[in-house]
Amino acid sequence: MNKQQSVLRFVILALLAPSLFTNAQAQQPSEEQLARLLKRFPEADQDKDGKLSREEVQQFVKSRQRNRRPAAATQPTQAGDAKLLETLAGMNAQFKNVELELLEWPGDLHKKLGKMTKLALVTRPVKKVEGKLPLLINLHGGGTRWFNNNFQQQLAIAQEVGMKRGFDLAELAGKDLIVLDPNTAERWNPDSLDRMLDYVLESFPEIDKDRVYLMGYSAGGGATWRWINQSPDRFAAAAPCGFTGGSVQDDAKKLAKLPIWGMAGGDDGKNAAGIRKMVERLKLAGNVNVKHTEFEGADHRAGGKAVFGTAELVDWMLAFKRPTTTE
């Protein structure tokens, strides 16, 4: 991305979306919209008169852009989807520690990513952080009915039912890290994910390549397991959660040095049993950095909420680095 736009701009665009997309003449925010912006960004009221002028909005946007951290990947979408912008604005309005941004994969790369959608979500700390930052990748779950919805609909449904993702965990943990929530319209493919990660590490120089972490729940947990089995040396730690635990044919020995934390709801049937067996296989293979959590009384949905409500997971991951290798 040559330059990522500030989340502030997404919020402003979302608040102004009805006028911008229905009336080309309406270029200035209304008094009601200014009031909503003031509530979201009280620091923009420079003269402290309790009102937000259009000039103050312009100055605040410019100041945020000046302080914006540099980035290097593709630009966020310019598609002008008002509903998507409104959904993002609503999500960001709930966050204090992180900023959520759209990421659009370049066309040439996207052709090689299977059924991964063109858009993904990147989460960064609100405060500016110097130096390299760790990266946490979260792979979402979902089935056929979920995949039939577009990106905006998926975000809206997740908000309605309380489904959590990587950005929610980042907000809860409040740590200095970047979170990538890619999106797919089918079962995750490890080859496509490897191509995606190649691009991200090349395009985001601020990411610490030795501190890349992976997690997922449900179908995302299964995808996490398949990906670390294919590319175990790419990650510093992983948390495959809420799935059937993988095949007994998998060679757990190649994961003997990768810290892994498996979680599941206690009332999640075969998934809870599968995670137990996965943990046992890893320990038998000699992995001394294996953790296991079973949330008592939690079914599949409640187990997912519990996983993304475990801030300790982030602290645990950040304690590990990928073993130094010669590249």
C-alpha atoms as a PDB file:
ATOM      1  CA  MET A   1       0.000   0.000   0.000  1.00  0.00           C
ATOM      2  CA  ASN A   2       1.520   3.345  -1.050  1.00  0.00           C
ATOM      3  CA  LYS A   3      -0.324   5.121   1.730  1.00  0.00           C
ATOM      4  CA  GLN A   4      -3.105   3.959   4.044  1.00  0.00           C
ATOM      5  CA  GLN A   5      -5.786   6.496   4.816  1.00  0.00           C
ATOM      6  CA  SER A   6      -6.608   7.314   8.397  1.00  0.00           C
ATOM      7  CA  VAL A   7      -9.508   5.603  10.070  1.00  0.00           C
ATOM      8  CA  LEU A   8     -10.695   9.116  10.789  1.00  0.00           C
ATOM      9  CA  ARG A   9     -11.366   9.528   7.090  1.00  0.00           C
ATOM     10  CA  PHE A  10     -13.417   6.333   7.070  1.00  0.00           C
ATOM     11  CA  VAL A  11     -15.471   7.638   9.981  1.00  0.00           C
ATOM     12  CA  ILE A  12     -16.027  10.995   8.311  1.00  0.00           C
ATOM     13  CA  LEU A  13     -16.910   9.390   4.990  1.00  0.00           C
ATOM     14  CA  ALA A  14     -19.329   7.079   6.727  1.00  0.00           C
ATOM     15  CA  LEU A  15     -21.010   9.908   8.582  1.00  0.00           C
ATOM     16  CA  LEU A  16     -21.288  11.895   5.370  1.00  0.00           C
ATOM     17  CA  ALA A  17     -22.161   8.908   3.176  1.00  0.00           C
ATOM     18  CA  PRO A  18     -25.882   9.664   2.679  1.00  0.00           C
ATOM     19  CA  SER A  19     -25.164  13.107   1.209  1.00  0.00           C
ATOM     20  CA  LEU A  20     -22.004  12.141  -0.661  1.00  0.00           C
ATOM     21  CA  PHE A  21     -23.626   9.241  -2.457  1.00  0.00           C
ATOM     22  CA  THR A  22     -27.083  10.688  -3.070  1.00  0.00           C
ATOM     23  CA  ASN A  23     -26.326  14.315  -3.825  1.00  0.00           C
ATOM     24  CA  ALA A  24     -23.189  15.333  -5.687  1.00  0.00           C
ATOM     25  CA  GLN A  25     -23.786  18.953  -4.681  1.00  0.00           C
ATOM     26  CA  ALA A  26     -23.576  18.203  -0.967  1.00  0.00           C
ATOM     27  CA  GLN A  27     -19.897  18.534  -0.130  1.00  0.00           C
ATOM     28  CA  GLN A  28     -20.142  20.036   3.357  1.00  0.00           C
ATOM     29  CA  PRO A  29     -21.168  18.208   6.538  1.00  0.00           C
ATOM     30  CA  SER A  30     -24.442  19.207   8.181  1.00  0.00           C
ATOM     31  CA  GLU A  31     -24.723  20.491  11.740  1.00  0.00           C
ATOM     32  CA  GLU A  32     -25.992  17.067  12.820  1.00  0.00           C
ATOM     33  CA  GLN A  33     -23.018  15.356  11.211  1.00  0.00           C
ATOM     34  CA  LEU A  34     -20.606  17.802  12.838  1.00  0.00           C
ATOM     35  CA  ALA A  35     -22.185  17.017  16.211  1.00  0.00           C
ATOM     36  CA  ARG A  36     -21.663  13.308  15.625  1.00  0.00           C
ATOM     37  CA  LEU A  37     -18.041  13.910  14.668  1.00  0.00           C
ATOM     38  CA  LEU A  38     -17.502  15.990  17.808  1.00  0.00           C
ATOM     39  CA  LYS A  39     -18.822  13.146  19.938  1.00  0.00           C
ATOM     40  CA  ARG A  40     -16.407  10.713  18.240  1.00  0.00           C
ATOM     41  CA  PHE A  41     -13.406  13.096  18.211  1.00  0.00           C
ATOM     42  CA  PRO A  42     -13.761  15.713  21.006  1.00  0.00           C
ATOM     43  CA  GLU A  43     -10.069  16.615  20.639  1.00  0.00           C
ATOM     44  CA  ALA A  44     -10.892  18.188  17.262  1.00  0.00           C
ATOM     45  CA  ASP A  45     -12.665  21.069  19.052  1.00  0.00           C
ATOM     46  CA  GLN A  46      -9.638  23.345  19.165  1.00  0.00           C
ATOM     47  CA  ASP A  47     -11.333  26.433  20.586  1.00  0.00           C
ATOM     48  CA  LYS A  48     -13.215  24.338  23.186  1.00  0.00           C
ATOM     49  CA  ASP A  49     -16.540  26.022  22.479  1.00  0.00           C
ATOM     50  CA  GLY A  50     -18.463  22.766  22.443  1.00  0.00           C
ATOM     51  CA  LYS A  51     -19.062  22.950  18.713  1.00  0.00           C
ATOM     52  CA  LEU A  52     -17.155  21.619  15.732  1.00  0.00           C
ATOM     53  CA  SER A  53     -16.649  23.859  12.727  1.00  0.00           C
ATOM     54  CA  ARG A  54     -15.874  22.647   9.223  1.00  0.00           C
ATOM     55  CA  GLU A  55     -12.481  24.345   9.476  1.00  0.00           C
ATOM     56  CA  GLU A  56     -11.697  22.424  12.659  1.00  0.00           C
ATOM     57  CA  VAL A  57     -12.609  19.178  10.891  1.00  0.00           C
ATOM     58  CA  GLN A  58     -10.228  19.984   8.040  1.00  0.00           C
ATOM     59  CA  GLN A  59      -7.396  20.908  10.425  1.00  0.00           C
ATOM     60  CA  PHE A  60      -7.932  17.775  12.494  1.00  0.00           C
ATOM     61  CA  VAL A  61      -7.824  15.527   9.430  1.00  0.00           C
ATOM     62  CA  LYS A  62      -4.592  17.198   8.286  1.00  0.00           C
ATOM     63  CA  SER A  63      -2.990  16.800  11.720  1.00  0.00           C
ATOM     64  CA  ARG A  64      -3.896  13.124  11.861  1.00  0.00           C
ATOM     65  CA  GLN A  65      -2.471  12.574   8.379  1.00  0.00           C
ATOM     66  CA  ARG A  66       0.801  14.254   9.382  1.00  0.00           C
ATOM     67  CA  ASN A  67       1.108  11.999  12.406  1.00  0.00           C
ATOM     68  CA  ARG A  68       0.080   8.892  10.521  1.00  0.00           C
ATOM     69  CA  ARG A  69       2.619   6.098  10.601  1.00  0.00           C
ATOM     70  CA  PRO A  70       4.122   5.147   7.228  1.00  0.00           C
ATOM     71  CA  ALA A  71       2.794   2.039   5.555  1.00  0.00           C
ATOM     72  CA  ALA A  72       3.614  -0.006   2.504  1.00  0.00           C
ATOM     73  CA  ALA A  73       0.895  -2.103   0.938  1.00  0.00           C
ATOM     74  CA  THR A  74      -2.026  -1.575  -1.403  1.00  0.00           C
ATOM     75  CA  GLN A  75      -4.364   1.352  -0.897  1.00  0.00           C
ATOM     76  CA  PRO A  76      -7.713   0.833   0.816  1.00  0.00           C
ATOM     77  CA  THR A  77     -10.650   0.409  -1.503  1.00  0.00           C
ATOM     78  CA  GLN A  78     -12.028   3.449  -3.276  1.00  0.00           C
ATOM     79  CA  ALA A  79     -15.205   1.609  -4.253  1.00  0.00           C
ATOM     80  CA  GLY A  80     -17.393   4.056  -2.352  1.00  0.00           C
ATOM     81  CA  ASP A  81     -19.507   1.433  -0.588  1.00  0.00           C
ATOM     82  CA  ALA A  82     -21.486   3.569   1.855  1.00  0.00           C
ATOM     83  CA  LYS A  83     -22.791   0.621   3.872  1.00  0.00           C
ATOM     84  CA  LEU A  84     -19.300  -0.784   4.312  1.00  0.00           C
ATOM     85  CA  LEU A  85     -17.972   2.588   5.448  1.00  0.00           C
ATOM     86  CA  GLU A  86     -20.830   2.959   7.901  1.00  0.00           C
ATOM     87  CA  THR A  87     -20.199  -0.524   9.302  1.00  0.00           C
ATOM     88  CA  LEU A  88     -16.495   0.216   9.738  1.00  0.00           C
ATOM     89  CA  ALA A  89     -17.253   3.528  11.397  1.00  0.00           C
ATOM     90  CA  GLY A  90     -19.590   1.818  13.844  1.00  0.00           C
ATOM     91  CA  MET A  91     -16.940  -0.752  14.679  1.00  0.00           C
ATOM     92  CA  ASN A  92     -14.224   1.853  15.169  1.00  0.00           C
ATOM     93  CA  ALA A  93     -16.505   3.919  17.379  1.00  0.00           C
ATOM     94  CA  GLN A  94     -16.336   1.059  19.897  1.00  0.00           C
ATOM     95  CA  PHE A  95     -12.534   0.891  19.931  1.00  0.00           C
ATOM     96  CA  LYS A  96     -10.187   2.937  22.101  1.00  0.00           C
ATOM     97  CA  ASN A  97      -6.869   1.138  21.662  1.00  0.00           C
ATOM     98  CA  VAL A  98      -6.876   0.220  17.972  1.00  0.00           C
ATOM     99  CA  GLU A  99      -7.780   1.554  14.547  1.00  0.00           C
ATOM    100  CA  LEU A 100      -9.374  -0.692  11.957  1.00  0.00           C
ATOM    101  CA  GLU A 101      -8.556  -0.144   8.277  1.00  0.00           C
ATOM    102  CA  LEU A 102      -9.475  -1.677   4.948  1.00  0.00           C
ATOM    103  CA  LEU A 103      -6.795  -3.365   2.892  1.00  0.00           C
ATOM    104  CA  GLU A 104      -7.289  -4.178  -0.780  1.00  0.00           C
ATOM    105  CA  TRP A 105      -5.056  -6.827  -2.340  1.00  0.00           C
ATOM    106  CA  PRO A 106      -3.420  -5.861  -5.657  1.00  0.00           C
ATOM    107  CA  GLY A 107      -5.102  -7.374  -8.689  1.00  0.00           C
ATOM    108  CA  ASP A 108      -2.180  -9.594  -9.724  1.00  0.00           C
ATOM    109  CA  LEU A 109      -1.856 -10.988  -6.207  1.00  0.00           C
ATOM    110  CA  HIS A 110      -5.593 -11.449  -5.744  1.00  0.00           C
ATOM    111  CA  LYS A 111      -5.727 -13.741  -8.779  1.00  0.00           C
ATOM    112  CA  LYS A 112      -3.379 -16.089  -6.915  1.00  0.00           C
ATOM    113  CA  LEU A 113      -5.324 -16.082  -3.649  1.00  0.00           C
ATOM    114  CA  GLY A 114      -8.061 -18.515  -4.631  1.00  0.00           C
ATOM    115  CA  LYS A 115     -11.438 -17.421  -3.261  1.00  0.00           C
ATOM    116  CA  MET A 116     -10.024 -14.960  -0.767  1.00  0.00           C
ATOM    117  CA  THR A 117     -11.931 -11.695  -1.075  1.00  0.00           C
ATOM    118  CA  LYS A 118     -10.306  -8.568  -2.474  1.00  0.00           C
ATOM    119  CA  LEU A 119     -10.701  -6.830   0.889  1.00  0.00           C
ATOM    120  CA  ALA A 120      -9.117  -7.616   4.237  1.00  0.00           C
ATOM    121  CA  LEU A 121      -8.890  -5.782   7.553  1.00  0.00           C
ATOM    122  CA  VAL A 122      -5.757  -4.439   9.210  1.00  0.00           C
ATOM    123  CA  THR A 123      -5.735  -3.315  12.843  1.00  0.00           C
ATOM    124  CA  ARG A 124      -3.049  -1.066  14.339  1.00  0.00           C
ATOM    125  CA  PRO A 125      -2.524   0.603  17.713  1.00  0.00           C
ATOM    126  CA  VAL A 126      -4.047   4.066  18.003  1.00  0.00           C
ATOM    127  CA  LYS A 127      -0.813   5.428  19.434  1.00  0.00           C
ATOM    128  CA  LYS A 128       2.177   5.790  17.170  1.00  0.00           C
ATOM    129  CA  VAL A 129       4.771   3.101  17.859  1.00  0.00           C
ATOM    130  CA  GLU A 130       8.412   3.273  16.843  1.00  0.00           C
ATOM    131  CA  GLY A 131      10.298   0.259  15.539  1.00  0.00           C
ATOM    132  CA  LYS A 132       9.160  -3.130  14.333  1.00  0.00           C
ATOM    133  CA  LEU A 133       5.789  -4.538  15.346  1.00  0.00           C
ATOM    134  CA  PRO A 134       4.664  -8.169  15.680  1.00  0.00           C
ATOM    135  CA  LEU A 135       1.914  -9.455  13.378  1.00  0.00           C
ATOM    136  CA  LEU A 136      -1.056 -11.569  14.452  1.00  0.00           C
ATOM    137  CA  ILE A 137      -3.057 -13.226  11.655  1.00  0.00           C
ATOM    138  CA  ASN A 138      -6.567 -14.415  12.467  1.00  0.00           C
ATOM    139  CA  LEU A 139      -8.438 -16.803  10.161  1.00  0.00           C
ATOM    140  CA  HIS A 140     -12.224 -16.586  10.486  1.00  0.00           C
ATOM    141  CA  GLY A 141     -14.599 -19.529  10.506  1.00  0.00           C
ATOM    142  CA  GLY A 142     -17.843 -19.981   8.620  1.00  0.00           C
ATOM    143  CA  GLY A 143     -19.759 -22.365   6.400  1.00  0.00           C
ATOM    144  CA  THR A 144     -21.607 -22.246   3.081  1.00  0.00           C
ATOM    145  CA  ARG A 145     -24.311 -19.865   4.299  1.00  0.00           C
ATOM    146  CA  TRP A 146     -21.647 -17.545   5.723  1.00  0.00           C
ATOM    147  CA  PHE A 147     -19.590 -17.574   2.538  1.00  0.00           C
ATOM    148  CA  ASN A 148     -22.664 -16.652   0.478  1.00  0.00           C
ATOM    149  CA  ASN A 149     -22.713 -13.200   2.108  1.00  0.00           C
ATOM    150  CA  ASN A 150     -20.582 -10.317   0.852  1.00  0.00           C
ATOM    151  CA  PHE A 151     -17.860  -8.680   2.940  1.00  0.00           C
ATOM    152  CA  GLN A 152     -20.057  -5.952   4.394  1.00  0.00           C
ATOM    153  CA  GLN A 153     -22.836  -8.393   5.228  1.00  0.00           C
ATOM    154  CA  GLN A 154     -20.387 -10.667   7.030  1.00  0.00           C
ATOM    155  CA  LEU A 155     -19.139  -7.778   9.164  1.00  0.00           C
ATOM    156  CA  ALA A 156     -22.690  -6.709   9.966  1.00  0.00           C
ATOM    157  CA  ILE A 157     -23.767 -10.264  10.870  1.00  0.00           C
ATOM    158  CA  ALA A 158     -20.707 -10.694  13.074  1.00  0.00           C
ATOM    159  CA  GLN A 159     -21.632  -7.507  14.934  1.00  0.00           C
ATOM    160  CA  GLU A 160     -25.242  -8.624  15.355  1.00  0.00           C
ATOM    161  CA  VAL A 161     -24.465 -12.072  16.771  1.00  0.00           C
ATOM    162  CA  GLY A 162     -21.418 -10.999  18.761  1.00  0.00           C
ATOM    163  CA  MET A 163     -18.914 -12.961  16.657  1.00  0.00           C
ATOM    164  CA  LYS A 164     -15.384 -11.866  17.509  1.00  0.00           C
ATOM    165  CA  ARG A 165     -12.256 -11.603  15.367  1.00  0.00           C
ATOM    166  CA  GLY A 166      -8.614 -10.632  15.644  1.00  0.00           C
ATOM    167  CA  PHE A 167      -9.336  -6.918  15.929  1.00  0.00           C
ATOM    168  CA  ASP A 168     -11.539  -7.537  18.981  1.00  0.00           C
ATOM    169  CA  LEU A 169      -8.733  -9.426  20.693  1.00  0.00           C
ATOM    170  CA  ALA A 170      -6.283  -6.648  19.795  1.00  0.00           C
ATOM    171  CA  GLU A 171      -8.577  -4.045  21.370  1.00  0.00           C
ATOM    172  CA  LEU A 172      -8.967  -6.154  24.504  1.00  0.00           C
ATOM    173  CA  ALA A 173      -5.239  -6.835  24.871  1.00  0.00           C
ATOM    174  CA  GLY A 174      -4.151  -3.265  24.105  1.00  0.00           C
ATOM    175  CA  LYS A 175      -0.687  -4.387  22.987  1.00  0.00           C
ATOM    176  CA  ASP A 176       1.615  -2.924  20.329  1.00  0.00           C
ATOM    177  CA  LEU A 177       0.987  -5.188  17.380  1.00  0.00           C
ATOM    178  CA  ILE A 178      -0.569  -5.318  13.920  1.00  0.00           C
ATOM    179  CA  VAL A 179      -3.483  -7.679  13.321  1.00  0.00           C
ATOM    180  CA  LEU A 180      -4.477  -8.976   9.892  1.00  0.00           C
ATOM    181  CA  ASP A 181      -7.967 -10.409   9.408  1.00  0.00           C
ATOM    182  CA  PRO A 182      -8.091 -11.721   5.836  1.00  0.00           C
ATOM    183  CA  ASN A 183     -11.386 -12.913   4.393  1.00  0.00           C
ATOM    184  CA  THR A 184     -12.327 -15.868   2.229  1.00  0.00           C
ATOM    185  CA  ALA A 185     -15.403 -17.104   0.373  1.00  0.00           C
ATOM    186  CA  GLU A 186     -14.441 -20.761   0.712  1.00  0.00           C
ATOM    187  CA  ARG A 187     -12.321 -23.118   2.805  1.00  0.00           C
ATOM    188  CA  TRP A 188      -8.920 -21.551   3.576  1.00  0.00           C
ATOM    189  CA  ASN A 189      -6.082 -22.764   1.362  1.00  0.00           C
ATOM    190  CA  PRO A 190      -2.536 -22.904   2.863  1.00  0.00           C
ATOM    191  CA  ASP A 191      -0.893 -22.225  -0.525  1.00  0.00           C
ATOM    192  CA  SER A 192      -2.918 -19.034  -0.955  1.00  0.00           C
ATOM    193  CA  LEU A 193      -2.182 -18.033   2.623  1.00  0.00           C
ATOM    194  CA  ASP A 194       1.551 -18.505   2.069  1.00  0.00           C
ATOM    195  CA  ARG A 195       1.375 -16.201  -0.975  1.00  0.00           C
ATOM    196  CA  MET A 196      -0.562 -13.661   1.073  1.00  0.00           C
ATOM    197  CA  LEU A 197       2.017 -13.730   3.871  1.00  0.00           C
ATOM    198  CA  ASP A 198       4.886 -13.400   1.381  1.00  0.00           C
ATOM    199  CA  TYR A 199       3.298 -10.217   0.094  1.00  0.00           C
ATOM    200  CA  VAL A 200       2.520  -8.810   3.547  1.00  0.00           C
ATOM    201  CA  LEU A 201       6.057  -9.330   4.847  1.00  0.00           C
ATOM    202  CA  GLU A 202       7.525  -7.775   1.722  1.00  0.00           C
ATOM    203  CA  SER A 203       5.139  -4.812   1.690  1.00  0.00           C
ATOM    204  CA  PHE A 204       4.994  -3.940   5.384  1.00  0.00           C
ATOM    205  CA  PRO A 205       8.599  -3.196   6.449  1.00  0.00           C
ATOM    206  CA  GLU A 206       7.346  -2.301   9.932  1.00  0.00           C
ATOM    207  CA  ILE A 207       6.496  -5.955  10.659  1.00  0.00           C
ATOM    208  CA  ASP A 208       8.952  -8.075  12.629  1.00  0.00           C
ATOM    209  CA  LYS A 209       9.312 -11.227  10.509  1.00  0.00           C
ATOM    210  CA  ASP A 210      10.395 -13.242  13.536  1.00  0.00           C
ATOM    211  CA  ARG A 211       7.237 -12.373  15.449  1.00  0.00           C
ATOM    212  CA  VAL A 212       4.404 -13.566  13.227  1.00  0.00           C
ATOM    213  CA  TYR A 213       1.585 -15.320  15.098  1.00  0.00           C
ATOM    214  CA  LEU A 214      -1.407 -17.271  13.795  1.00  0.00           C
ATOM    215  CA  MET A 215      -4.803 -18.118  15.252  1.00  0.00           C
ATOM    216  CA  GLY A 216      -8.257 -19.147  14.161  1.00  0.00           C
ATOM    217  CA  TYR A 217     -11.500 -20.540  15.511  1.00  0.00           C
ATOM    218  CA  SER A 218     -13.863 -23.191  14.114  1.00  0.00           C
ATOM    219  CA  ALA A 219     -13.101 -23.498  10.378  1.00  0.00           C
ATOM    220  CA  GLY A 220     -10.396 -20.908  11.032  1.00  0.00           C
ATOM    221  CA  GLY A 221      -8.931 -23.197  13.693  1.00  0.00           C
ATOM    222  CA  GLY A 222      -8.785 -26.042  11.208  1.00  0.00           C
ATOM    223  CA  ALA A 223      -7.141 -23.739   8.685  1.00  0.00           C
ATOM    224  CA  THR A 224      -4.612 -22.651  11.305  1.00  0.00           C
ATOM    225  CA  TRP A 225      -3.725 -26.294  11.916  1.00  0.00           C
ATOM    226  CA  ARG A 226      -3.355 -27.036   8.174  1.00  0.00           C
ATOM    227  CA  TRP A 227      -1.224 -23.944   7.607  1.00  0.00           C
ATOM    228  CA  ILE A 228       1.192 -24.577  10.460  1.00  0.00           C
ATOM    229  CA  ASN A 229       1.516 -28.183   9.308  1.00  0.00           C
ATOM    230  CA  GLN A 230       2.469 -26.963   5.833  1.00  0.00           C
ATOM    231  CA  SER A 231       4.658 -24.033   6.916  1.00  0.00           C
ATOM    232  CA  PRO A 232       5.664 -24.497  10.567  1.00  0.00           C
ATOM    233  CA  ASP A 233       8.817 -22.381  10.273  1.00  0.00           C
ATOM    234  CA  ARG A 234       6.915 -19.196   9.378  1.00  0.00           C
ATOM    235  CA  PHE A 235       5.409 -18.619  12.792  1.00  0.00           C
ATOM    236  CA  ALA A 236       6.526 -17.835  16.326  1.00  0.00           C
ATOM    237  CA  ALA A 237       3.380 -19.292  17.965  1.00  0.00           C
ATOM    238  CA  ALA A 238      -0.094 -20.443  16.983  1.00  0.00           C
ATOM    239  CA  ALA A 239      -3.554 -21.005  18.474  1.00  0.00           C
ATOM    240  CA  PRO A 240      -5.729 -23.440  16.502  1.00  0.00           C
ATOM    241  CA  CYS A 241      -9.035 -23.421  18.407  1.00  0.00           C
ATOM    242  CA  GLY A 242     -12.569 -24.804  18.304  1.00  0.00           C
ATOM    243  CA  PHE A 243     -12.117 -27.490  15.618  1.00  0.00           C
ATOM    244  CA  THR A 244     -11.822 -31.262  15.469  1.00  0.00           C
ATOM    245  CA  GLY A 245      -8.100 -31.310  16.220  1.00  0.00           C
ATOM    246  CA  GLY A 246      -6.715 -32.383  12.875  1.00  0.00           C
ATOM    247  CA  SER A 247      -5.870 -35.817  11.585  1.00  0.00           C
ATOM    248  CA  VAL A 248      -3.918 -38.398  13.534  1.00  0.00           C
ATOM    249  CA  GLN A 249      -1.962 -38.831  10.302  1.00  0.00           C
ATOM    250  CA  ASP A 250      -0.441 -35.359  10.729  1.00  0.00           C
ATOM    251  CA  ASP A 251       3.199 -35.468  11.764  1.00  0.00           C
ATOM    252  CA  ALA A 252       3.165 -33.653  15.105  1.00  0.00           C
ATOM    253  CA  LYS A 253       6.957 -33.973  15.285  1.00  0.00           C
ATOM    254  CA  LYS A 254       7.452 -31.113  12.835  1.00  0.00           C
ATOM    255  CA  LEU A 255       5.491 -28.919  15.250  1.00  0.00           C
ATOM    256  CA  ALA A 256       7.541 -29.957  18.268  1.00  0.00           C
ATOM    257  CA  LYS A 257       9.244 -26.555  18.474  1.00  0.00           C
ATOM    258  CA  LEU A 258       6.232 -24.351  17.725  1.00  0.00           C
ATOM    259  CA  PRO A 259       4.401 -22.983  20.795  1.00  0.00           C
ATOM    260  CA  ILE A 260       0.715 -23.924  20.426  1.00  0.00           C
ATOM    261  CA  TRP A 261      -2.316 -23.067  22.541  1.00  0.00           C
ATOM    262  CA  GLY A 262      -5.482 -25.044  21.802  1.00  0.00           C
ATOM    263  CA  MET A 263      -8.853 -23.909  23.165  1.00  0.00           C
ATOM    264  CA  ALA A 264     -12.439 -25.103  22.893  1.00  0.00           C
ATOM    265  CA  GLY A 265     -15.763 -24.905  24.668  1.00  0.00           C
ATOM    266  CA  GLY A 266     -16.308 -27.742  27.108  1.00  0.00           C
ATOM    267  CA  ASP A 267     -19.740 -28.486  25.591  1.00  0.00           C
ATOM    268  CA  ASP A 268     -18.523 -28.331  21.984  1.00  0.00           C
ATOM    269  CA  GLY A 269     -18.652 -32.088  21.455  1.00  0.00           C
ATOM    270  CA  LYS A 270     -16.176 -33.447  18.917  1.00  0.00           C
ATOM    271  CA  ASN A 271     -14.308 -30.148  18.823  1.00  0.00           C
ATOM    272  CA  ALA A 272     -13.515 -30.220  22.529  1.00  0.00           C
ATOM    273  CA  ALA A 273     -12.449 -33.860  22.239  1.00  0.00           C
ATOM    274  CA  GLY A 274     -10.410 -33.111  19.123  1.00  0.00           C
ATOM    275  CA  ILE A 275      -8.476 -30.308  20.793  1.00  0.00           C
ATOM    276  CA  ARG A 276      -7.659 -32.592  23.713  1.00  0.00           C
ATOM    277  CA  LYS A 277      -6.285 -35.242  21.367  1.00  0.00           C
ATOM    278  CA  MET A 278      -4.329 -32.620  19.391  1.00  0.00           C
ATOM    279  CA  VAL A 279      -2.679 -31.402  22.578  1.00  0.00           C
ATOM    280  CA  GLU A 280      -1.836 -34.960  23.579  1.00  0.00           C
ATOM    281  CA  ARG A 281      -0.206 -35.693  20.213  1.00  0.00           C
ATOM    282  CA  LEU A 282       1.870 -32.525  20.420  1.00  0.00           C
ATOM    283  CA  LYS A 283       3.089 -33.340  23.914  1.00  0.00           C
ATOM    284  CA  LEU A 284       3.978 -36.880  22.887  1.00  0.00           C
ATOM    285  CA  ALA A 285       5.969 -35.405  19.979  1.00  0.00           C
ATOM    286  CA  GLY A 286       8.099 -33.485  22.491  1.00  0.00           C
ATOM    287  CA  ASN A 287       6.464 -30.050  22.348  1.00  0.00           C
ATOM    288  CA  VAL A 288       7.053 -28.439  25.743  1.00  0.00           C
ATOM    289  CA  ASN A 289       5.238 -25.190  24.869  1.00  0.00           C
ATOM    290  CA  VAL A 290       1.702 -26.525  24.579  1.00  0.00           C
ATOM    291  CA  LYS A 291      -1.240 -24.973  26.423  1.00  0.00           C
ATOM    292  CA  HIS A 292      -4.801 -26.252  26.640  1.00  0.00           C
ATOM    293  CA  THR A 293      -7.917 -24.396  27.746  1.00  0.00           C
ATOM    294  CA  GLU A 294     -11.435 -25.796  27.867  1.00  0.00           C
ATOM    295  CA  PHE A 295     -14.183 -23.316  28.721  1.00  0.00           C
ATOM    296  CA  GLU A 296     -16.563 -25.113  31.043  1.00  0.00           C
ATOM    297  CA  GLY A 297     -20.174 -25.198  29.870  1.00  0.00           C
ATOM    298  CA  ALA A 298     -19.465 -23.321  26.617  1.00  0.00           C
ATOM    299  CA  ASP A 299     -20.965 -24.540  23.340  1.00  0.00           C
ATOM    300  CA  HIS A 300     -19.422 -23.712  19.963  1.00  0.00           C
ATOM    301  CA  ARG A 301     -20.546 -20.071  19.766  1.00  0.00           C
ATOM    302  CA  ALA A 302     -19.791 -19.349  23.423  1.00  0.00           C
ATOM    303  CA  GLY A 303     -16.406 -21.016  23.026  1.00  0.00           C
ATOM    304  CA  GLY A 304     -15.540 -18.621  20.214  1.00  0.00           C
ATOM    305  CA  LYS A 305     -16.420 -15.595  22.323  1.00  0.00           C
ATOM    306  CA  ALA A 306     -14.319 -16.993  25.149  1.00  0.00           C
ATOM    307  CA  VAL A 307     -11.280 -17.476  22.910  1.00  0.00           C
ATOM    308  CA  PHE A 308     -11.387 -13.885  21.678  1.00  0.00           C
ATOM    309  CA  GLY A 309     -11.996 -12.737  25.232  1.00  0.00           C
ATOM    310  CA  THR A 310      -8.734 -14.291  26.426  1.00  0.00           C
ATOM    311  CA  ALA A 311      -6.304 -11.373  26.458  1.00  0.00           C
ATOM    312  CA  GLU A 312      -3.684 -13.640  28.025  1.00  0.00           C
ATOM    313  CA  LEU A 313      -3.359 -15.353  24.637  1.00  0.00           C
ATOM    314  CA  VAL A 314      -1.724 -12.236  23.177  1.00  0.00           C
ATOM    315  CA  ASP A 315       0.697 -11.900  26.083  1.00  0.00           C
ATOM    316  CA  TRP A 316       1.591 -15.578  25.777  1.00  0.00           C
ATOM    317  CA  MET A 317       2.233 -15.332  22.028  1.00  0.00           C
ATOM    318  CA  LEU A 318       4.324 -12.190  22.287  1.00  0.00           C
ATOM    319  CA  ALA A 319       6.729 -14.003  24.608  1.00  0.00           C
ATOM    320  CA  PHE A 320       7.927 -16.143  21.680  1.00  0.00           C
ATOM    321  CA  LYS A 321      10.072 -15.413  18.655  1.00  0.00           C
ATOM    322  CA  ARG A 322      10.635 -17.529  15.580  1.00  0.00           C
ATOM    323  CA  PRO A 323      13.965 -19.350  15.846  1.00  0.00           C
ATOM    324  CA  THR A 324      16.668 -17.480  13.954  1.00  0.00           C
ATOM    325  CA  THR A 325      17.229 -18.899  10.484  1.00  0.00           C
ATOM    326  CA  THR A 326      19.459 -17.968   7.582  1.00  0.00           C
ATOM    327  CA  GLU A 327      17.447 -16.733   4.619  1.00  0.00           C
END
